Structures are given as structure tokens and as C-alpha cells.
N, C-alpha and C. Protein backbone atom coordinates (compact mmCIF):
# COMPACT_ATOMS: atom_id res chain seq x y z
N UNK A 1 116.80 43.00 304.23
CA UNK A 1 117.59 43.63 305.27
C UNK A 1 119.04 43.07 305.38
N UNK A 2 119.81 44.13 305.57
CA UNK A 2 121.32 43.69 305.60
C UNK A 2 121.66 43.28 306.86
N UNK A 3 122.17 42.12 307.00
CA UNK A 3 122.64 41.46 308.29
C UNK A 3 124.11 41.58 308.46
N UNK A 4 124.80 42.08 307.47
CA UNK A 4 126.32 42.24 307.63
C UNK A 4 127.07 40.99 307.12
N UNK A 5 128.28 41.07 307.03
CA UNK A 5 129.18 40.00 306.53
C UNK A 5 129.39 38.97 307.62
N UNK A 6 129.29 37.61 307.25
CA UNK A 6 129.58 36.56 308.15
C UNK A 6 130.64 35.70 307.64
N UNK A 7 131.65 35.30 308.42
CA UNK A 7 132.64 34.53 307.99
C UNK A 7 132.61 33.08 308.61
N UNK A 8 133.20 32.16 307.84
CA UNK A 8 133.63 32.24 306.44
C UNK A 8 132.47 32.34 305.56
N UNK A 9 132.64 33.09 304.52
CA UNK A 9 131.56 33.11 303.55
C UNK A 9 131.29 31.86 302.82
N UNK A 10 130.22 31.94 301.91
CA UNK A 10 129.79 30.75 301.28
C UNK A 10 130.81 30.37 300.24
N UNK A 11 131.41 31.30 299.38
CA UNK A 11 132.30 31.04 298.44
C UNK A 11 133.41 32.10 298.37
N UNK A 12 134.66 31.68 298.25
CA UNK A 12 135.79 32.57 298.28
C UNK A 12 137.05 31.75 297.73
N UNK A 13 138.10 32.55 297.49
CA UNK A 13 139.39 31.92 297.00
C UNK A 13 140.55 32.39 297.80
N UNK A 14 141.42 31.50 298.05
CA UNK A 14 142.66 31.88 298.71
C UNK A 14 143.82 31.70 297.85
N UNK A 15 144.50 32.73 297.47
CA UNK A 15 145.66 32.64 296.65
C UNK A 15 146.87 32.51 297.43
N UNK A 16 147.74 31.56 297.22
CA UNK A 16 149.04 31.46 297.97
C UNK A 16 150.11 32.27 297.24
N UNK A 17 149.92 33.51 297.36
CA UNK A 17 150.64 34.49 296.63
C UNK A 17 150.46 35.95 297.15
N UNK A 18 151.44 36.77 296.97
CA UNK A 18 151.14 38.18 297.35
C UNK A 18 150.16 38.80 296.39
N UNK A 19 149.57 39.85 296.70
CA UNK A 19 148.46 40.52 296.03
C UNK A 19 148.84 40.98 294.64
N UNK A 20 150.09 41.43 294.30
CA UNK A 20 150.45 42.01 293.07
C UNK A 20 150.06 41.22 291.95
N UNK A 21 150.69 39.89 291.84
CA UNK A 21 150.29 39.15 290.65
C UNK A 21 148.92 38.68 290.62
N UNK A 22 148.16 38.55 291.68
CA UNK A 22 146.81 38.29 291.81
C UNK A 22 146.03 39.32 291.01
N UNK A 23 146.22 40.67 291.47
CA UNK A 23 145.55 41.73 290.93
C UNK A 23 145.96 42.00 289.38
N UNK A 24 147.23 41.65 289.07
CA UNK A 24 147.66 41.79 287.68
C UNK A 24 146.82 40.81 286.77
N UNK A 25 146.54 39.57 287.21
CA UNK A 25 145.96 38.54 286.48
C UNK A 25 144.47 38.93 286.27
N UNK A 26 143.89 39.37 287.51
CA UNK A 26 142.41 39.81 287.49
C UNK A 26 142.32 40.95 286.51
N UNK A 27 143.12 41.95 286.48
CA UNK A 27 143.12 43.15 285.67
C UNK A 27 143.17 42.68 284.27
N UNK A 28 144.14 41.90 283.92
CA UNK A 28 144.07 41.29 282.53
C UNK A 28 142.89 40.75 282.01
N UNK A 29 142.24 39.86 282.83
CA UNK A 29 141.03 39.26 282.43
C UNK A 29 139.81 40.39 282.37
N UNK A 30 139.83 41.21 283.27
CA UNK A 30 138.88 42.37 283.14
C UNK A 30 138.95 43.27 281.94
N UNK A 31 140.25 43.38 281.41
CA UNK A 31 140.48 44.22 280.15
C UNK A 31 140.03 43.23 279.00
N UNK A 32 140.32 41.99 279.09
CA UNK A 32 140.00 41.19 277.91
C UNK A 32 138.41 40.97 277.75
N UNK A 33 137.73 40.89 278.92
CA UNK A 33 136.27 40.63 278.89
C UNK A 33 135.52 41.89 278.95
N UNK A 34 136.25 43.12 279.23
CA UNK A 34 135.57 44.32 279.39
C UNK A 34 134.40 44.37 280.23
N UNK A 35 134.58 43.70 281.42
CA UNK A 35 133.45 43.53 282.35
C UNK A 35 133.59 44.37 283.62
N UNK A 36 134.66 45.03 283.85
CA UNK A 36 134.92 45.87 285.02
C UNK A 36 134.49 47.38 284.80
N UNK A 37 133.59 47.87 285.72
CA UNK A 37 133.25 49.26 285.61
C UNK A 37 134.23 50.20 286.34
N UNK A 38 134.70 49.70 287.47
CA UNK A 38 135.56 50.56 288.20
C UNK A 38 136.32 49.75 289.25
N UNK A 39 137.54 50.10 289.65
CA UNK A 39 138.37 49.42 290.73
C UNK A 39 138.75 50.55 291.65
N UNK A 40 138.37 50.34 292.87
CA UNK A 40 138.65 51.32 293.93
C UNK A 40 139.55 50.75 295.06
N UNK A 41 140.51 51.51 295.49
CA UNK A 41 141.39 51.10 296.48
C UNK A 41 140.86 51.60 297.87
N UNK A 42 141.08 50.74 298.83
CA UNK A 42 140.55 51.07 300.19
C UNK A 42 141.47 50.57 301.26
N UNK A 43 141.47 51.25 302.37
CA UNK A 43 142.34 50.88 303.41
C UNK A 43 141.59 50.00 304.42
N UNK A 44 140.24 49.84 304.27
CA UNK A 44 139.41 49.04 305.26
C UNK A 44 138.27 48.41 304.38
N UNK A 45 138.28 47.12 304.44
CA UNK A 45 137.28 46.45 303.62
C UNK A 45 136.05 46.09 304.35
N UNK A 46 136.08 46.46 305.74
CA UNK A 46 134.86 46.14 306.56
C UNK A 46 133.54 46.64 306.09
N UNK A 47 133.57 47.91 305.75
CA UNK A 47 132.28 48.50 305.33
C UNK A 47 131.75 47.84 304.00
N UNK A 48 132.66 47.57 303.15
CA UNK A 48 132.29 47.01 301.85
C UNK A 48 131.73 45.64 302.08
N UNK A 49 132.44 44.76 302.85
CA UNK A 49 131.92 43.43 303.13
C UNK A 49 130.49 43.54 303.84
N UNK A 50 130.38 44.41 304.88
CA UNK A 50 129.14 44.56 305.48
C UNK A 50 127.94 44.96 304.67
N UNK A 51 128.19 45.85 303.71
CA UNK A 51 127.13 46.35 302.88
C UNK A 51 126.82 45.69 301.75
N UNK A 52 127.76 44.86 301.17
CA UNK A 52 127.46 44.24 299.77
C UNK A 52 127.80 42.80 299.83
N UNK A 53 127.99 42.17 300.91
CA UNK A 53 128.31 40.63 300.97
C UNK A 53 127.46 39.90 301.77
N UNK A 54 126.28 40.35 302.14
CA UNK A 54 125.33 39.60 302.94
C UNK A 54 124.44 38.77 302.08
N UNK A 55 124.56 38.84 300.77
CA UNK A 55 123.76 37.96 299.81
C UNK A 55 124.40 38.12 298.60
N UNK A 56 124.18 36.97 297.72
CA UNK A 56 124.66 36.87 296.34
C UNK A 56 123.88 37.66 295.28
N UNK A 57 124.56 38.14 294.37
CA UNK A 57 123.92 38.72 293.09
C UNK A 57 123.85 37.84 291.96
N UNK A 58 122.64 37.58 291.35
CA UNK A 58 122.52 36.67 290.38
C UNK A 58 122.50 37.39 288.94
N UNK A 59 122.40 38.63 288.98
CA UNK A 59 122.44 39.41 287.85
C UNK A 59 123.79 40.09 287.57
N UNK A 60 124.07 41.10 286.70
CA UNK A 60 125.27 41.66 286.52
C UNK A 60 125.42 42.79 287.67
N UNK A 61 126.62 43.42 287.59
CA UNK A 61 126.91 44.52 288.51
C UNK A 61 127.46 43.97 289.86
N UNK A 62 128.11 42.73 289.86
CA UNK A 62 128.56 42.26 291.08
C UNK A 62 129.91 42.99 291.67
N UNK A 63 130.19 42.70 292.91
CA UNK A 63 131.44 43.21 293.51
C UNK A 63 132.41 42.15 293.85
N UNK A 64 133.59 42.49 293.77
CA UNK A 64 134.71 41.59 294.13
C UNK A 64 135.64 42.31 295.02
N UNK A 65 136.20 41.67 296.15
CA UNK A 65 137.18 42.35 296.98
C UNK A 65 138.41 41.51 296.99
N UNK A 66 139.60 42.08 296.79
CA UNK A 66 140.87 41.31 296.86
C UNK A 66 141.79 42.04 297.89
N UNK A 67 142.28 41.28 298.75
CA UNK A 67 143.13 41.93 299.91
C UNK A 67 144.08 40.93 300.50
N UNK A 68 145.01 41.54 301.18
CA UNK A 68 145.95 40.73 301.96
C UNK A 68 145.51 40.78 303.45
N UNK A 69 145.26 39.54 304.03
CA UNK A 69 144.73 39.63 305.39
C UNK A 69 145.73 39.96 306.49
N UNK A 70 145.23 40.41 307.53
CA UNK A 70 146.19 40.87 308.68
C UNK A 70 146.88 39.53 309.24
N UNK A 71 146.20 38.40 309.24
CA UNK A 71 146.66 37.16 309.87
C UNK A 71 147.74 36.43 308.96
N UNK A 72 147.85 36.81 307.70
CA UNK A 72 148.78 36.04 306.91
C UNK A 72 149.09 36.82 305.61
N UNK A 73 150.30 37.43 305.72
CA UNK A 73 150.66 38.39 304.70
C UNK A 73 151.20 37.62 303.46
N UNK A 74 151.31 36.31 303.57
CA UNK A 74 151.78 35.57 302.29
C UNK A 74 150.65 35.11 301.39
N UNK A 75 149.48 35.42 301.72
CA UNK A 75 148.25 35.04 300.88
C UNK A 75 147.46 36.13 300.46
N UNK A 76 146.47 35.93 299.54
CA UNK A 76 145.61 36.81 299.03
C UNK A 76 144.29 36.29 299.11
N UNK A 77 143.26 37.11 299.61
CA UNK A 77 141.87 36.62 299.66
C UNK A 77 141.06 37.27 298.56
N UNK A 78 140.28 36.48 297.93
CA UNK A 78 139.31 37.08 296.84
C UNK A 78 137.90 36.65 297.30
N UNK A 79 137.06 37.58 297.49
CA UNK A 79 135.63 37.30 297.80
C UNK A 79 134.69 37.95 296.79
N UNK A 80 133.88 37.25 296.22
CA UNK A 80 132.80 37.99 295.33
C UNK A 80 131.46 37.69 295.82
N UNK A 81 130.47 38.63 295.42
CA UNK A 81 129.12 38.46 295.78
C UNK A 81 128.30 37.94 294.47
N UNK A 82 129.14 37.58 293.48
CA UNK A 82 128.59 36.89 292.19
C UNK A 82 128.05 35.54 292.71
N UNK A 83 127.04 35.04 292.22
CA UNK A 83 126.41 33.81 292.62
C UNK A 83 127.29 32.57 292.51
N UNK A 84 128.10 32.52 291.58
CA UNK A 84 129.01 31.42 291.53
C UNK A 84 130.54 31.65 292.11
N UNK A 85 130.63 32.82 292.76
CA UNK A 85 131.93 33.16 293.44
C UNK A 85 132.90 33.64 292.40
N UNK A 86 132.39 33.90 291.16
CA UNK A 86 133.30 34.48 290.08
C UNK A 86 134.25 33.36 289.66
N UNK A 87 133.65 32.19 289.45
CA UNK A 87 134.51 30.95 289.17
C UNK A 87 135.30 31.13 287.78
N UNK A 88 134.77 31.64 286.79
CA UNK A 88 135.36 31.78 285.64
C UNK A 88 136.50 32.84 285.61
N UNK A 89 136.28 33.79 286.45
CA UNK A 89 137.38 34.88 286.64
C UNK A 89 138.55 34.21 287.42
N UNK A 90 138.27 33.44 288.36
CA UNK A 90 139.24 32.66 289.18
C UNK A 90 140.07 31.84 288.35
N UNK A 91 139.31 31.02 287.59
CA UNK A 91 139.93 29.96 286.70
C UNK A 91 140.86 30.66 285.79
N UNK A 92 140.52 31.67 285.03
CA UNK A 92 141.30 32.35 284.04
C UNK A 92 142.39 33.15 284.66
N UNK A 93 142.21 33.74 285.84
CA UNK A 93 143.32 34.55 286.47
C UNK A 93 144.39 33.59 286.91
N UNK A 94 144.03 32.42 287.46
CA UNK A 94 145.08 31.48 287.79
C UNK A 94 145.84 31.12 286.59
N UNK A 95 145.26 30.70 285.39
CA UNK A 95 145.87 30.35 284.24
C UNK A 95 146.77 31.55 283.71
N UNK A 96 146.36 32.72 283.79
CA UNK A 96 147.15 33.88 283.21
C UNK A 96 148.53 34.08 283.80
N UNK A 97 148.60 33.84 285.16
CA UNK A 97 149.80 34.09 285.87
C UNK A 97 150.43 32.91 286.59
N UNK A 98 149.98 31.80 286.15
CA UNK A 98 150.50 30.44 286.79
C UNK A 98 150.42 30.63 288.15
N UNK A 99 149.29 30.85 288.71
CA UNK A 99 149.16 30.99 290.22
C UNK A 99 148.75 29.74 290.88
N UNK A 100 148.91 29.75 292.26
CA UNK A 100 148.49 28.54 293.07
C UNK A 100 147.34 29.09 293.92
N UNK A 101 146.37 28.44 294.06
CA UNK A 101 145.15 28.83 294.89
C UNK A 101 144.21 27.65 295.15
N UNK A 102 143.29 27.95 296.21
CA UNK A 102 142.30 27.01 296.31
C UNK A 102 140.98 27.75 296.48
N UNK A 103 140.03 27.41 295.62
CA UNK A 103 138.62 27.87 295.53
C UNK A 103 137.75 27.11 296.33
N UNK A 104 137.03 27.85 297.23
CA UNK A 104 136.23 27.08 298.27
C UNK A 104 134.83 27.40 298.15
N UNK A 105 133.98 26.47 298.37
CA UNK A 105 132.57 26.62 298.46
C UNK A 105 132.18 25.85 299.68
N UNK A 106 131.36 26.45 300.72
CA UNK A 106 131.00 25.98 301.91
C UNK A 106 129.34 25.90 301.92
N UNK A 107 128.89 24.79 302.17
CA UNK A 107 127.36 24.70 302.15
C UNK A 107 127.00 25.12 303.62
N UNK A 108 126.02 26.21 303.51
CA UNK A 108 125.48 26.58 304.79
C UNK A 108 124.02 26.28 304.99
N UNK A 109 123.63 26.15 306.17
CA UNK A 109 122.23 25.70 306.49
C UNK A 109 121.18 26.35 305.72
N UNK A 110 121.35 27.76 305.45
CA UNK A 110 120.35 28.51 304.80
C UNK A 110 120.33 28.46 303.34
N UNK A 111 121.38 27.67 302.77
CA UNK A 111 121.47 27.63 301.45
C UNK A 111 120.44 26.55 300.88
N UNK A 112 119.64 27.06 299.92
CA UNK A 112 118.79 26.07 299.26
C UNK A 112 119.45 25.09 298.45
N UNK A 113 120.55 25.54 297.65
CA UNK A 113 121.32 24.81 296.83
C UNK A 113 122.49 24.49 297.66
N UNK A 114 122.62 23.23 298.16
CA UNK A 114 123.81 22.81 299.01
C UNK A 114 124.94 22.12 298.29
N UNK A 115 126.08 22.78 298.47
CA UNK A 115 127.39 22.20 297.85
C UNK A 115 128.53 22.59 298.60
N UNK A 116 129.32 21.68 299.02
CA UNK A 116 130.72 21.92 299.62
C UNK A 116 131.77 21.44 298.76
N UNK A 117 132.73 22.22 298.50
CA UNK A 117 133.75 21.84 297.49
C UNK A 117 135.09 22.64 297.64
N UNK A 118 136.07 22.10 296.98
CA UNK A 118 137.23 22.81 296.81
C UNK A 118 137.94 22.41 295.38
N UNK A 119 138.38 23.49 294.79
CA UNK A 119 139.21 23.27 293.57
C UNK A 119 140.58 23.81 293.87
N UNK A 120 141.69 23.03 293.58
CA UNK A 120 142.97 23.54 293.74
C UNK A 120 143.68 23.69 292.54
N UNK A 121 144.34 24.89 292.41
CA UNK A 121 145.14 25.23 291.28
C UNK A 121 146.58 25.27 291.59
N UNK A 122 147.38 24.80 290.72
CA UNK A 122 148.90 24.85 290.95
C UNK A 122 149.49 25.07 289.54
N UNK A 123 150.36 26.07 289.50
CA UNK A 123 151.04 26.58 288.16
C UNK A 123 149.81 26.96 287.16
N UNK A 124 148.79 27.47 287.71
CA UNK A 124 147.81 28.00 286.81
C UNK A 124 146.72 26.92 286.28
N UNK A 125 146.96 25.66 286.77
CA UNK A 125 146.13 24.54 286.26
C UNK A 125 145.29 24.01 287.56
N UNK A 126 144.03 23.76 287.24
CA UNK A 126 143.13 22.98 288.18
C UNK A 126 143.50 21.57 288.35
N UNK A 127 144.20 21.23 289.40
CA UNK A 127 144.77 19.73 289.65
C UNK A 127 143.91 18.85 290.38
N UNK A 128 142.94 19.42 291.19
CA UNK A 128 142.20 18.60 292.09
C UNK A 128 140.81 19.22 292.42
N UNK A 129 139.79 18.50 292.25
CA UNK A 129 138.40 19.03 292.59
C UNK A 129 137.84 17.89 293.53
N UNK A 130 137.25 18.34 294.52
CA UNK A 130 136.32 17.40 295.42
C UNK A 130 135.09 18.16 295.92
N UNK A 131 133.91 17.54 295.71
CA UNK A 131 132.76 18.04 296.18
C UNK A 131 131.46 17.12 296.49
N UNK A 132 130.75 17.59 297.39
CA UNK A 132 129.55 16.90 297.65
C UNK A 132 128.26 17.92 297.46
N UNK A 133 127.36 17.47 296.74
CA UNK A 133 126.30 18.30 296.48
C UNK A 133 124.93 17.67 296.35
N UNK A 134 123.97 18.41 296.70
CA UNK A 134 122.44 17.98 296.59
C UNK A 134 121.90 18.32 295.37
N UNK A 135 121.38 17.40 294.49
CA UNK A 135 120.85 17.78 293.14
C UNK A 135 119.95 16.71 292.65
N UNK A 136 118.73 16.46 293.09
CA UNK A 136 118.29 16.72 294.49
C UNK A 136 118.89 15.73 295.47
N UNK A 137 119.22 14.57 294.96
CA UNK A 137 120.01 13.56 295.80
C UNK A 137 121.42 14.11 295.99
N UNK A 138 122.11 13.45 297.13
CA UNK A 138 123.39 13.96 297.30
C UNK A 138 124.35 13.10 296.36
N UNK A 139 125.32 13.89 295.77
CA UNK A 139 126.42 13.43 294.98
C UNK A 139 127.74 13.60 295.43
N UNK A 140 128.60 12.69 295.44
CA UNK A 140 130.02 13.01 295.78
C UNK A 140 130.88 12.73 294.43
N UNK A 141 131.84 13.63 294.31
CA UNK A 141 132.66 13.61 293.02
C UNK A 141 134.05 14.05 293.42
N UNK A 142 135.05 13.43 292.81
CA UNK A 142 136.47 13.83 293.10
C UNK A 142 137.23 13.46 291.77
N UNK A 143 138.24 14.28 291.38
CA UNK A 143 139.05 14.16 290.23
C UNK A 143 140.42 14.63 290.56
N UNK A 144 141.45 14.05 289.96
CA UNK A 144 142.81 14.55 290.27
C UNK A 144 143.47 13.75 291.43
N UNK A 145 144.66 13.78 291.60
CA UNK A 145 145.43 13.13 292.70
C UNK A 145 145.10 13.77 294.00
N UNK A 146 144.96 13.00 295.09
CA UNK A 146 144.77 13.58 296.38
C UNK A 146 145.97 14.30 296.85
N UNK A 147 145.73 15.49 297.61
CA UNK A 147 146.82 16.29 297.97
C UNK A 147 147.27 15.99 299.43
N UNK A 148 148.38 16.61 299.83
CA UNK A 148 148.92 16.27 301.10
C UNK A 148 148.07 16.59 302.34
N UNK A 149 147.23 17.59 302.15
CA UNK A 149 146.34 18.02 303.38
C UNK A 149 145.09 17.35 303.46
N UNK A 150 144.81 16.37 302.45
CA UNK A 150 143.45 15.65 302.46
C UNK A 150 143.58 14.45 303.34
N UNK A 151 142.42 13.98 303.84
CA UNK A 151 142.22 12.82 304.68
C UNK A 151 141.18 12.04 303.68
N UNK A 152 141.73 11.21 302.77
CA UNK A 152 140.81 10.47 301.90
C UNK A 152 139.87 9.57 302.55
N UNK A 153 140.23 9.01 303.91
CA UNK A 153 139.41 8.21 304.51
C UNK A 153 138.01 8.75 304.77
N UNK A 154 137.95 10.09 304.85
CA UNK A 154 136.65 10.82 305.08
C UNK A 154 135.67 10.65 303.84
N UNK A 155 136.27 10.29 302.64
CA UNK A 155 135.33 10.15 301.54
C UNK A 155 134.71 8.73 301.41
N UNK A 156 134.95 8.10 302.46
CA UNK A 156 134.29 6.76 302.46
C UNK A 156 132.99 6.69 303.42
N UNK A 157 132.76 7.96 303.95
CA UNK A 157 131.49 8.05 304.99
C UNK A 157 130.32 7.40 304.30
N UNK A 158 129.42 6.91 304.98
CA UNK A 158 128.31 6.25 304.41
C UNK A 158 127.39 7.32 303.63
N UNK A 159 127.28 8.42 304.46
CA UNK A 159 126.30 9.50 303.76
C UNK A 159 127.25 10.34 302.88
N UNK A 160 126.80 10.62 301.68
CA UNK A 160 127.60 11.30 300.73
C UNK A 160 127.84 12.81 301.12
N UNK A 161 126.79 13.37 301.81
CA UNK A 161 126.97 14.69 302.24
C UNK A 161 128.01 14.89 303.32
N UNK A 162 128.34 13.82 304.01
CA UNK A 162 129.47 13.81 305.08
C UNK A 162 130.82 13.66 304.57
N UNK A 163 130.95 13.40 303.23
CA UNK A 163 132.29 13.20 302.68
C UNK A 163 133.02 14.59 302.42
N UNK A 164 132.34 15.66 302.27
CA UNK A 164 132.81 17.01 302.00
C UNK A 164 131.83 17.91 302.66
N UNK A 165 132.28 18.60 303.67
CA UNK A 165 131.52 19.60 304.38
C UNK A 165 132.24 20.80 304.90
N UNK A 166 131.53 21.72 305.63
CA UNK A 166 132.21 22.76 306.28
C UNK A 166 133.35 22.49 307.09
N UNK A 167 133.12 21.42 308.06
CA UNK A 167 134.12 21.06 309.02
C UNK A 167 135.33 20.49 308.40
N UNK A 168 135.22 19.76 307.26
CA UNK A 168 136.32 19.25 306.55
C UNK A 168 137.11 20.21 305.84
N UNK A 169 136.43 21.26 305.29
CA UNK A 169 137.15 22.31 304.63
C UNK A 169 137.95 23.25 305.61
N UNK A 170 137.32 23.57 306.78
CA UNK A 170 137.98 24.26 307.77
C UNK A 170 139.37 23.51 308.26
N UNK A 171 139.26 22.15 308.39
CA UNK A 171 140.40 21.49 308.82
C UNK A 171 141.41 21.39 307.69
N UNK A 172 141.04 21.25 306.56
CA UNK A 172 142.03 21.30 305.38
C UNK A 172 142.74 22.70 305.30
N UNK A 173 142.03 23.83 305.44
CA UNK A 173 142.57 25.15 305.44
C UNK A 173 143.58 25.27 306.55
N UNK A 174 143.22 24.74 307.71
CA UNK A 174 144.02 24.86 308.99
C UNK A 174 145.39 24.13 308.58
N UNK A 175 145.30 22.91 307.86
CA UNK A 175 146.66 22.32 307.55
C UNK A 175 147.38 23.15 306.56
N UNK A 176 146.72 23.98 305.82
CA UNK A 176 147.28 24.88 304.82
C UNK A 176 147.80 26.21 305.53
N UNK A 177 147.64 26.33 306.77
CA UNK A 177 148.02 27.45 307.48
C UNK A 177 147.09 28.61 307.47
N UNK A 178 145.78 28.33 307.25
CA UNK A 178 144.79 29.51 307.12
C UNK A 178 143.64 29.05 308.01
N UNK A 179 143.45 29.88 309.07
CA UNK A 179 142.35 29.61 310.03
C UNK A 179 141.14 30.44 309.63
N UNK A 180 140.10 29.72 309.19
CA UNK A 180 138.89 30.42 308.61
C UNK A 180 138.15 31.11 309.70
N UNK A 181 138.40 30.82 310.96
CA UNK A 181 137.69 31.41 312.11
C UNK A 181 138.45 32.55 312.76
N UNK A 182 139.60 32.84 312.22
CA UNK A 182 140.43 33.93 312.75
C UNK A 182 139.84 35.22 312.13
N UNK A 183 139.24 36.15 313.01
CA UNK A 183 138.64 37.39 312.55
C UNK A 183 139.61 38.26 311.73
N UNK A 184 140.94 38.12 312.00
CA UNK A 184 141.92 38.96 311.33
C UNK A 184 142.18 38.43 309.81
N UNK A 185 141.59 37.15 309.51
CA UNK A 185 141.78 36.76 308.18
C UNK A 185 140.81 37.58 307.25
N UNK A 186 139.77 38.18 307.83
CA UNK A 186 138.81 38.87 307.19
C UNK A 186 138.89 40.28 307.31
N UNK A 187 140.03 40.84 307.61
CA UNK A 187 140.46 42.21 307.74
C UNK A 187 141.75 42.41 306.88
N UNK A 188 141.90 43.42 306.28
CA UNK A 188 143.00 43.75 305.35
C UNK A 188 144.19 44.45 305.99
N UNK A 189 145.40 44.14 305.52
CA UNK A 189 146.58 44.99 305.88
C UNK A 189 147.01 45.64 304.50
N UNK A 190 147.19 46.98 304.56
CA UNK A 190 147.63 47.54 303.24
C UNK A 190 146.49 47.79 302.47
N UNK A 191 146.80 48.19 301.20
CA UNK A 191 145.74 48.55 300.18
C UNK A 191 145.02 47.31 299.82
N UNK A 192 143.59 47.43 299.87
CA UNK A 192 142.72 46.45 299.36
C UNK A 192 142.05 46.94 298.01
N UNK A 193 141.44 46.08 297.28
CA UNK A 193 140.82 46.54 295.99
C UNK A 193 139.45 46.07 295.90
N UNK A 194 138.46 47.02 295.60
CA UNK A 194 137.05 46.64 295.41
C UNK A 194 136.81 46.79 293.92
N UNK A 195 136.36 45.84 293.35
CA UNK A 195 136.11 45.84 291.85
C UNK A 195 134.58 45.79 291.57
N UNK A 196 134.05 46.63 290.92
CA UNK A 196 132.48 46.64 290.58
C UNK A 196 132.49 46.31 289.11
N UNK A 197 131.74 45.26 288.78
CA UNK A 197 131.52 44.87 287.37
C UNK A 197 130.49 45.68 286.77
N UNK A 198 130.45 45.74 285.43
CA UNK A 198 129.49 46.46 284.69
C UNK A 198 128.14 45.86 284.88
N UNK A 199 127.13 46.83 285.09
CA UNK A 199 125.79 46.31 285.24
C UNK A 199 125.09 46.45 283.92
N UNK A 200 124.73 45.28 283.26
CA UNK A 200 124.06 45.38 281.91
C UNK A 200 122.55 45.43 282.13
N UNK A 201 121.84 46.10 281.38
CA UNK A 201 120.33 46.01 281.36
C UNK A 201 119.77 44.76 281.09
N UNK A 202 118.81 44.34 281.74
CA UNK A 202 118.16 43.02 281.43
C UNK A 202 117.55 43.09 279.98
N UNK A 203 117.69 42.02 279.36
CA UNK A 203 116.97 41.86 278.07
C UNK A 203 115.57 41.46 278.29
N UNK A 204 114.64 41.94 277.38
CA UNK A 204 113.30 41.53 277.51
C UNK A 204 113.17 40.02 277.01
N UNK A 205 112.54 39.36 277.77
CA UNK A 205 112.28 37.95 277.34
C UNK A 205 111.20 37.94 276.43
N UNK A 206 111.40 37.14 275.28
CA UNK A 206 110.30 37.02 274.35
C UNK A 206 109.59 35.69 274.56
N UNK A 207 108.30 35.75 274.46
CA UNK A 207 107.54 34.59 274.68
C UNK A 207 107.00 34.05 273.25
């Protein structure tokens, strides 16, 4: 049953850039990988988010939405219903156009696989990764130099799952000028793009 889009979503990326270079980078990668079936322009992403983003797709044929939010015209939001948040596409798109962005993953209570994380890209390179995940015991990991918005004292919490979580990510994004609880962050101004990936037939598994 479709319950509609809930924000902030489990996985998404904020590009600190206008939409044009972001779309250009994504289109380049789509052409190289030949993975996009169609790209559709829309003036309102609400229906797309409500109909296609209440759960993740683990097979092919995923949908990505790229838009400029009403609340901040200096950034671009990328949301995917791909199970990993389209992490490879995000990584290579940053690299292609020397973009700056933060890729976010927020562990939600209903998630069986719990992981809260951020990866920060600058000049196309991933310069900082911090995460806490359950696998099956809790693990905390960080690499790269701490960034100005971080409070590294939080990473000394006794319980590893408390060192990176939804509350920390929300506060970090607030420091970066992005309010994840502002409903206008999840609404577009101007043209938005819905990208549908090619749906490949499943291969028969041989036993």
C-alpha cells in the first residue's frame, strides 16, 4: 500500500550548485552507462514523490528526481528510490563536473538495515565520510579531515549508534543552511526532472 512520501527521506543528496551543471553531469553518466530510459520535465514533483518514493526498489527500473527547492534556490536536491540512493551515479556525477555536495543516509526506525551517514564531495572528490551502522553489531567509521559544520565531540559517545544519527545529520544540515524539516525543501520551483532507468529482465538463476 502506498503511504506517500515522507521527509526527510532515507537517502538523498544535496548539491551546493544550481540545477544545470548537476543535470549535465547526470546526463553524461546516463549516456556513458546507457542506463536511462527517459527523462521527463515536470512543474510539480509532489505526485511523483507520493507515487514512487514510499519504498526502495532493489531491482532495475528505478526513478530519480532532481529539482531546485522552493526554500533554497542555490542548491539542487537529488532523490532516488534506488536501494542505495544511486550512490555510484552521485559519485561519478560529482567527479564529472567537479561538483560540491553532501550525500546523506538517515537510519529510520522501520529500516531493517540501520545506517546513518554522510559523504561530502568537494571539487568532485569525496573528502569526508562518517557513518554509524549495524552489521549486526554497531560500527562507527570516519575518514578524511573533519569539516567546519561537524561537532567531533559527538563521535566520542559511549554507544556507537549515537555517534551519527538522524538528529546529528539534521543539525549538520541546518548549519549548512538546509532545513530538512522545511516542507518547501521538498517542493520544486521551476522545472524539475524525473529520470526513469531502464528496467532489465531478471536473469534466470542456475542451480
